[in-house]
């Protein structure tokens, strides 16, 4: 049913529930794409030197995050592809999903009232903009 599944991660805690749902829906021959997006909004007020340091740190965090998730999915017998992108997370998730032709996105959702009510959550934006189904898993 799902040949290609996208699992975006921010490297946060409590991601096991997303992995469980992903392995539940993935057939044995599925490919799971694990994506980390370096959020450009982290650079808005930084000078050039600080931007370079922060970018390096975030890319390292991203590499660790996608590596950890990919290792767990591979241990469950699934093929994985990892990617790190830079931009606004929801936009990059949708763009990656479209470009790679994924069949479904599985992602966690969490956040405090301020984040959800004022800024909107990444998951909500992906659900609204994605052309494929999005399975959200509550991580709170």
N, C-alpha and C. Protein backbone atom coordinates (compact mmCIF):
# COMPACT_ATOMS: atom_id res chain seq x y z
N UNK A 1 0.82 -1.19 0.00
CA UNK A 1 0.00 0.00 0.00
C UNK A 1 0.86 1.26 0.00
N UNK A 2 1.83 1.33 0.91
CA UNK A 2 2.71 2.49 0.98
C UNK A 2 4.12 2.05 0.60
N UNK A 3 4.57 2.43 -0.59
CA UNK A 3 5.91 2.07 -1.03
C UNK A 3 6.96 3.01 -0.47
N UNK A 4 6.61 4.29 -0.35
CA UNK A 4 7.53 5.31 0.15
C UNK A 4 6.84 6.10 1.26
N UNK A 5 7.49 6.13 2.41
CA UNK A 5 6.95 6.80 3.60
C UNK A 5 7.94 7.86 4.04
N UNK A 6 7.46 9.05 4.34
CA UNK A 6 8.32 10.12 4.84
C UNK A 6 8.12 10.28 6.34
N UNK A 7 9.23 10.28 7.07
CA UNK A 7 9.22 10.50 8.51
C UNK A 7 10.11 11.70 8.81
N UNK A 8 9.52 12.90 8.96
CA UNK A 8 10.32 14.05 9.36
C UNK A 8 10.60 13.98 10.86
N UNK A 9 11.79 14.38 11.26
CA UNK A 9 12.14 14.39 12.67
C UNK A 9 12.85 15.69 13.01
N UNK A 10 12.63 16.15 14.24
CA UNK A 10 13.36 17.32 14.72
C UNK A 10 14.40 16.92 15.76
N UNK A 11 14.57 15.61 15.95
CA UNK A 11 15.54 15.13 16.91
C UNK A 11 15.05 15.19 18.35
N UNK A 12 13.76 15.49 18.53
CA UNK A 12 13.21 15.62 19.88
C UNK A 12 12.92 14.30 20.55
N UNK A 13 12.52 14.39 21.79
CA UNK A 13 12.19 13.22 22.60
C UNK A 13 10.83 12.65 22.23
N UNK A 14 10.60 11.41 22.63
CA UNK A 14 9.28 10.80 22.49
C UNK A 14 8.95 10.36 21.09
N UNK A 15 9.95 10.13 20.26
CA UNK A 15 9.71 9.81 18.86
C UNK A 15 9.37 8.34 18.63
N UNK A 16 9.48 7.52 19.66
CA UNK A 16 9.21 6.09 19.51
C UNK A 16 7.80 5.81 19.00
N UNK A 17 6.84 6.63 19.41
CA UNK A 17 5.46 6.41 18.96
C UNK A 17 5.34 6.59 17.45
N UNK A 18 6.08 7.54 16.88
CA UNK A 18 6.06 7.74 15.43
C UNK A 18 6.69 6.54 14.75
N UNK A 19 7.79 6.05 15.30
CA UNK A 19 8.45 4.87 14.72
C UNK A 19 7.53 3.66 14.78
N UNK A 20 6.83 3.50 15.89
CA UNK A 20 5.89 2.37 16.01
C UNK A 20 4.81 2.45 14.94
N UNK A 21 4.22 3.63 14.73
CA UNK A 21 3.17 3.77 13.72
C UNK A 21 3.72 3.55 12.32
N UNK A 22 4.93 4.02 12.10
CA UNK A 22 5.55 3.85 10.78
C UNK A 22 5.78 2.38 10.48
N UNK A 23 6.32 1.64 11.43
CA UNK A 23 6.55 0.22 11.19
C UNK A 23 5.23 -0.54 11.08
N UNK A 24 4.18 -0.06 11.74
CA UNK A 24 2.86 -0.69 11.63
C UNK A 24 2.30 -0.60 10.21
N UNK A 25 2.51 0.53 9.55
CA UNK A 25 1.90 0.74 8.23
C UNK A 25 2.82 0.38 7.07
N UNK A 26 4.09 0.16 7.36
CA UNK A 26 5.06 -0.07 6.28
C UNK A 26 5.11 -1.54 5.88
N UNK A 27 4.90 -1.83 4.59
CA UNK A 27 5.13 -3.19 4.13
C UNK A 27 6.64 -3.49 4.15
N UNK A 28 6.98 -4.76 4.09
CA UNK A 28 8.39 -5.16 4.18
C UNK A 28 9.28 -4.53 3.12
N UNK A 29 8.71 -4.24 1.95
CA UNK A 29 9.52 -3.69 0.86
C UNK A 29 9.44 -2.16 0.75
N UNK A 30 8.93 -1.51 1.77
CA UNK A 30 8.80 -0.05 1.76
C UNK A 30 10.17 0.61 1.94
N UNK A 31 10.26 1.83 1.44
CA UNK A 31 11.41 2.69 1.70
C UNK A 31 10.92 3.83 2.57
N UNK A 32 11.62 4.04 3.69
CA UNK A 32 11.25 5.12 4.60
C UNK A 32 12.28 6.24 4.46
N UNK A 33 11.79 7.41 4.12
CA UNK A 33 12.63 8.60 3.98
C UNK A 33 12.62 9.33 5.32
N UNK A 34 13.79 9.54 5.89
CA UNK A 34 13.91 10.23 7.17
C UNK A 34 14.49 11.62 6.89
N UNK A 35 13.75 12.65 7.28
CA UNK A 35 14.11 14.03 6.93
C UNK A 35 14.25 14.90 8.17
N UNK A 36 15.30 15.70 8.18
CA UNK A 36 15.50 16.74 9.19
C UNK A 36 15.60 18.07 8.45
N UNK A 37 14.89 19.07 8.94
CA UNK A 37 14.94 20.39 8.32
C UNK A 37 15.60 21.37 9.28
N UNK A 38 16.70 21.97 8.82
CA UNK A 38 17.34 23.05 9.57
C UNK A 38 16.48 24.29 9.37
N UNK A 39 15.89 24.76 10.45
CA UNK A 39 14.93 25.87 10.39
C UNK A 39 15.66 27.20 10.21
N UNK A 40 15.47 27.82 9.05
CA UNK A 40 16.11 29.11 8.75
C UNK A 40 15.73 30.21 9.73
N UNK A 41 14.60 30.07 10.38
CA UNK A 41 14.18 31.12 11.32
C UNK A 41 15.13 31.24 12.50
N UNK A 42 15.97 30.22 12.71
CA UNK A 42 16.95 30.27 13.80
C UNK A 42 18.05 31.30 13.53
N UNK A 43 18.14 31.79 12.30
CA UNK A 43 19.22 32.69 11.91
C UNK A 43 18.82 34.15 11.80
N UNK A 44 17.58 34.47 12.05
CA UNK A 44 17.06 35.80 11.77
C UNK A 44 17.86 36.94 12.40
N UNK A 45 18.32 36.77 13.61
CA UNK A 45 18.96 37.87 14.32
C UNK A 45 20.46 37.67 14.53
N UNK A 46 21.05 36.71 13.85
CA UNK A 46 22.46 36.40 14.08
C UNK A 46 23.36 37.07 13.05
N UNK A 47 24.59 37.42 13.49
CA UNK A 47 25.56 37.93 12.53
C UNK A 47 26.14 36.75 11.74
N UNK A 48 26.90 37.04 10.69
CA UNK A 48 27.37 36.00 9.77
C UNK A 48 28.21 34.93 10.45
N UNK A 49 29.09 35.34 11.36
CA UNK A 49 29.95 34.37 12.05
C UNK A 49 29.12 33.44 12.92
N UNK A 50 28.18 34.01 13.64
CA UNK A 50 27.32 33.18 14.49
C UNK A 50 26.44 32.27 13.64
N UNK A 51 25.97 32.75 12.49
CA UNK A 51 25.14 31.93 11.60
C UNK A 51 25.88 30.67 11.19
N UNK A 52 27.16 30.82 10.85
CA UNK A 52 27.95 29.67 10.42
C UNK A 52 28.06 28.64 11.54
N UNK A 53 28.30 29.11 12.76
CA UNK A 53 28.41 28.20 13.90
C UNK A 53 27.09 27.50 14.20
N UNK A 54 26.00 28.26 14.19
CA UNK A 54 24.69 27.69 14.47
C UNK A 54 24.30 26.70 13.37
N UNK A 55 24.56 27.05 12.11
CA UNK A 55 24.25 26.15 11.01
C UNK A 55 25.00 24.84 11.15
N UNK A 56 26.28 24.92 11.49
CA UNK A 56 27.08 23.71 11.68
C UNK A 56 26.50 22.85 12.81
N UNK A 57 26.13 23.49 13.92
CA UNK A 57 25.55 22.76 15.04
C UNK A 57 24.23 22.10 14.65
N UNK A 58 23.37 22.83 13.95
CA UNK A 58 22.07 22.28 13.56
C UNK A 58 22.21 21.16 12.53
N UNK A 59 23.16 21.29 11.62
CA UNK A 59 23.38 20.21 10.65
C UNK A 59 23.91 18.96 11.34
N UNK A 60 24.75 19.15 12.34
CA UNK A 60 25.25 18.01 13.12
C UNK A 60 24.10 17.35 13.89
N UNK A 61 23.25 18.18 14.51
CA UNK A 61 22.07 17.65 15.20
C UNK A 61 21.19 16.89 14.22
N UNK A 62 21.02 17.43 13.03
CA UNK A 62 20.20 16.77 12.01
C UNK A 62 20.77 15.44 11.58
N UNK A 63 22.08 15.39 11.37
CA UNK A 63 22.73 14.13 10.98
C UNK A 63 22.55 13.08 12.07
N UNK A 64 22.71 13.49 13.32
CA UNK A 64 22.50 12.55 14.43
C UNK A 64 21.05 12.08 14.47
N UNK A 65 20.11 13.01 14.29
CA UNK A 65 18.69 12.67 14.37
C UNK A 65 18.27 11.70 13.28
N UNK A 66 18.63 11.99 12.02
CA UNK A 66 18.22 11.09 10.94
C UNK A 66 18.94 9.76 11.04
N UNK A 67 20.18 9.78 11.51
CA UNK A 67 20.92 8.53 11.69
C UNK A 67 20.29 7.63 12.73
N UNK A 68 19.89 8.21 13.85
CA UNK A 68 19.25 7.43 14.91
C UNK A 68 17.94 6.82 14.45
N UNK A 69 17.11 7.62 13.79
CA UNK A 69 15.82 7.13 13.31
C UNK A 69 16.03 6.06 12.24
N UNK A 70 16.94 6.31 11.31
CA UNK A 70 17.21 5.33 10.25
C UNK A 70 17.71 4.01 10.84
N UNK A 71 18.58 4.08 11.83
CA UNK A 71 19.08 2.85 12.47
C UNK A 71 17.94 2.04 13.07
N UNK A 72 17.01 2.72 13.73
CA UNK A 72 15.88 2.00 14.35
C UNK A 72 14.97 1.38 13.30
N UNK A 73 14.73 2.10 12.22
CA UNK A 73 13.87 1.56 11.15
C UNK A 73 14.56 0.40 10.43
N UNK A 74 15.86 0.52 10.22
CA UNK A 74 16.60 -0.57 9.58
C UNK A 74 16.62 -1.80 10.47
N UNK A 75 16.70 -1.60 11.79
CA UNK A 75 16.65 -2.73 12.72
C UNK A 75 15.30 -3.45 12.63
N UNK A 76 14.26 -2.72 12.21
CA UNK A 76 12.93 -3.31 12.03
C UNK A 76 12.79 -3.93 10.63
N UNK A 77 13.87 -3.89 9.84
CA UNK A 77 13.85 -4.53 8.54
C UNK A 77 13.45 -3.66 7.37
N UNK A 78 13.42 -2.34 7.58
CA UNK A 78 12.99 -1.43 6.51
C UNK A 78 14.19 -0.74 5.85
N UNK A 79 14.07 -0.47 4.56
CA UNK A 79 15.07 0.31 3.85
C UNK A 79 14.85 1.79 4.15
N UNK A 80 15.94 2.53 4.27
CA UNK A 80 15.81 3.96 4.59
C UNK A 80 16.65 4.81 3.65
N UNK A 81 16.23 6.05 3.53
CA UNK A 81 16.95 7.11 2.85
C UNK A 81 16.94 8.29 3.81
N UNK A 82 18.08 8.95 4.00
CA UNK A 82 18.11 10.10 4.90
C UNK A 82 18.39 11.38 4.12
N UNK A 83 17.87 12.48 4.64
CA UNK A 83 18.09 13.78 3.99
C UNK A 83 18.03 14.89 5.03
N UNK A 84 18.81 15.92 4.78
CA UNK A 84 18.77 17.14 5.59
C UNK A 84 18.52 18.29 4.63
N UNK A 85 17.53 19.11 4.93
CA UNK A 85 17.19 20.27 4.11
C UNK A 85 17.24 21.52 4.99
N UNK A 86 17.26 22.66 4.36
CA UNK A 86 17.29 23.93 5.08
C UNK A 86 16.15 24.80 4.59
N UNK A 87 15.38 25.36 5.53
CA UNK A 87 14.26 26.22 5.17
C UNK A 87 13.23 26.23 6.27
N UNK A 88 12.00 26.53 5.92
CA UNK A 88 10.90 26.49 6.87
C UNK A 88 10.42 25.04 6.93
N UNK A 89 10.37 24.43 8.12
CA UNK A 89 10.10 23.00 8.22
C UNK A 89 8.88 22.50 7.45
N UNK A 90 7.72 23.11 7.64
CA UNK A 90 6.52 22.60 6.97
C UNK A 90 6.67 22.68 5.45
N UNK A 91 7.20 23.78 4.96
CA UNK A 91 7.36 23.94 3.51
C UNK A 91 8.34 22.92 2.95
N UNK A 92 9.43 22.69 3.66
CA UNK A 92 10.44 21.74 3.19
C UNK A 92 9.94 20.30 3.25
N UNK A 93 9.16 19.98 4.27
CA UNK A 93 8.58 18.63 4.38
C UNK A 93 7.66 18.36 3.20
N UNK A 94 6.78 19.30 2.90
CA UNK A 94 5.85 19.13 1.78
C UNK A 94 6.60 19.08 0.46
N UNK A 95 7.59 19.95 0.28
CA UNK A 95 8.36 19.96 -0.96
C UNK A 95 9.11 18.65 -1.16
N UNK A 96 9.71 18.14 -0.08
CA UNK A 96 10.43 16.87 -0.17
C UNK A 96 9.47 15.74 -0.51
N UNK A 97 8.33 15.71 0.17
CA UNK A 97 7.33 14.66 -0.08
C UNK A 97 6.88 14.67 -1.53
N UNK A 98 6.63 15.84 -2.07
CA UNK A 98 6.22 15.96 -3.47
C UNK A 98 7.33 15.53 -4.41
N UNK A 99 8.54 16.01 -4.16
CA UNK A 99 9.67 15.71 -5.05
C UNK A 99 10.00 14.22 -5.08
N UNK A 100 9.87 13.57 -3.94
CA UNK A 100 10.23 12.15 -3.84
C UNK A 100 9.05 11.23 -4.11
N UNK A 101 7.87 11.79 -4.28
CA UNK A 101 6.69 10.98 -4.58
C UNK A 101 6.29 10.04 -3.45
N UNK A 102 6.42 10.51 -2.20
CA UNK A 102 6.06 9.64 -1.08
C UNK A 102 4.55 9.43 -1.04
N UNK A 103 4.16 8.30 -0.48
CA UNK A 103 2.75 7.91 -0.42
C UNK A 103 2.06 8.40 0.84
N UNK A 104 2.81 8.57 1.93
CA UNK A 104 2.25 8.99 3.21
C UNK A 104 3.36 9.61 4.04
N UNK A 105 2.99 10.57 4.88
CA UNK A 105 3.91 11.19 5.84
C UNK A 105 3.46 10.75 7.22
N UNK A 106 4.38 10.26 8.04
CA UNK A 106 4.06 10.00 9.45
C UNK A 106 4.94 10.94 10.28
N UNK A 107 4.29 11.71 11.15
CA UNK A 107 5.04 12.69 11.92
C UNK A 107 4.41 12.94 13.28
N UNK A 108 5.26 13.36 14.20
CA UNK A 108 4.79 13.68 15.53
C UNK A 108 4.20 15.07 15.57
N UNK A 109 3.34 15.28 16.55
CA UNK A 109 2.79 16.61 16.78
C UNK A 109 2.82 16.87 18.28
N UNK A 110 3.23 18.06 18.62
CA UNK A 110 3.27 18.48 20.02
C UNK A 110 3.40 19.98 20.04
N UNK A 111 3.42 20.54 21.20
CA UNK A 111 3.59 21.98 21.30
C UNK A 111 2.70 22.54 22.37
N UNK A 112 3.14 23.66 22.90
CA UNK A 112 2.33 24.31 23.93
C UNK A 112 1.25 25.16 23.27
N UNK A 113 0.36 25.72 24.08
CA UNK A 113 -0.74 26.51 23.54
C UNK A 113 -0.26 27.70 22.73
N UNK A 114 0.82 28.35 23.17
CA UNK A 114 1.34 29.50 22.45
C UNK A 114 1.75 29.09 21.03
N UNK A 115 2.53 28.03 20.94
CA UNK A 115 3.00 27.58 19.63
C UNK A 115 1.84 27.25 18.72
N UNK A 116 0.87 26.50 19.23
CA UNK A 116 -0.24 26.07 18.38
C UNK A 116 -1.18 27.22 18.03
N UNK A 117 -1.45 28.09 18.96
CA UNK A 117 -2.44 29.15 18.72
C UNK A 117 -1.87 30.37 18.01
N UNK A 118 -0.63 30.71 18.28
CA UNK A 118 -0.06 31.91 17.70
C UNK A 118 0.73 31.60 16.42
N UNK A 119 1.60 30.64 16.49
CA UNK A 119 2.46 30.34 15.36
C UNK A 119 1.91 29.24 14.46
N UNK A 120 1.11 28.35 15.00
CA UNK A 120 0.65 27.19 14.25
C UNK A 120 1.71 26.11 14.28
N UNK A 121 1.29 24.87 14.29
CA UNK A 121 2.27 23.80 14.38
C UNK A 121 2.72 23.36 13.00
N UNK A 122 3.92 22.83 12.95
CA UNK A 122 4.45 22.29 11.69
C UNK A 122 3.53 21.20 11.17
N UNK A 123 3.09 20.31 12.04
CA UNK A 123 2.21 19.21 11.60
C UNK A 123 0.92 19.74 10.99
N UNK A 124 0.33 20.76 11.61
CA UNK A 124 -0.91 21.33 11.06
C UNK A 124 -0.69 21.89 9.66
N UNK A 125 0.44 22.55 9.46
CA UNK A 125 0.73 23.12 8.15
C UNK A 125 0.97 22.02 7.11
N UNK A 126 1.65 20.95 7.52
CA UNK A 126 1.89 19.84 6.60
C UNK A 126 0.56 19.18 6.23
N UNK A 127 -0.29 18.94 7.21
CA UNK A 127 -1.61 18.34 6.94
C UNK A 127 -2.38 19.21 5.94
N UNK A 128 -2.34 20.52 6.13
CA UNK A 128 -3.09 21.43 5.27
C UNK A 128 -2.53 21.49 3.85
N UNK A 129 -1.22 21.35 3.70
CA UNK A 129 -0.60 21.59 2.40
C UNK A 129 -0.19 20.35 1.62
N UNK A 130 -0.09 19.22 2.28
CA UNK A 130 0.39 18.00 1.62
C UNK A 130 -0.65 17.42 0.67
N UNK A 131 -0.19 16.87 -0.43
CA UNK A 131 -1.09 16.25 -1.40
C UNK A 131 -1.32 14.77 -1.11
N UNK A 132 -0.60 14.24 -0.12
CA UNK A 132 -0.75 12.84 0.27
C UNK A 132 -1.24 12.78 1.71
N UNK A 133 -1.69 11.60 2.17
CA UNK A 133 -2.14 11.49 3.56
C UNK A 133 -1.00 11.79 4.54
N UNK A 134 -1.38 12.35 5.68
CA UNK A 134 -0.43 12.63 6.75
C UNK A 134 -0.97 11.99 8.02
N UNK A 135 -0.20 11.07 8.58
CA UNK A 135 -0.57 10.41 9.82
C UNK A 135 0.16 11.12 10.95
N UNK A 136 -0.59 11.78 11.83
CA UNK A 136 0.04 12.48 12.95
C UNK A 136 -0.08 11.65 14.20
N UNK A 137 0.98 11.70 15.00
CA UNK A 137 1.06 10.94 16.23
C UNK A 137 1.32 11.92 17.37
N UNK A 138 0.45 11.92 18.37
CA UNK A 138 0.57 12.84 19.51
C UNK A 138 1.77 12.43 20.35
N UNK A 139 2.71 13.35 20.52
CA UNK A 139 3.91 13.08 21.30
C UNK A 139 3.87 13.71 22.68
N UNK A 140 2.80 14.45 23.00
CA UNK A 140 2.76 15.15 24.30
C UNK A 140 2.32 14.22 25.41
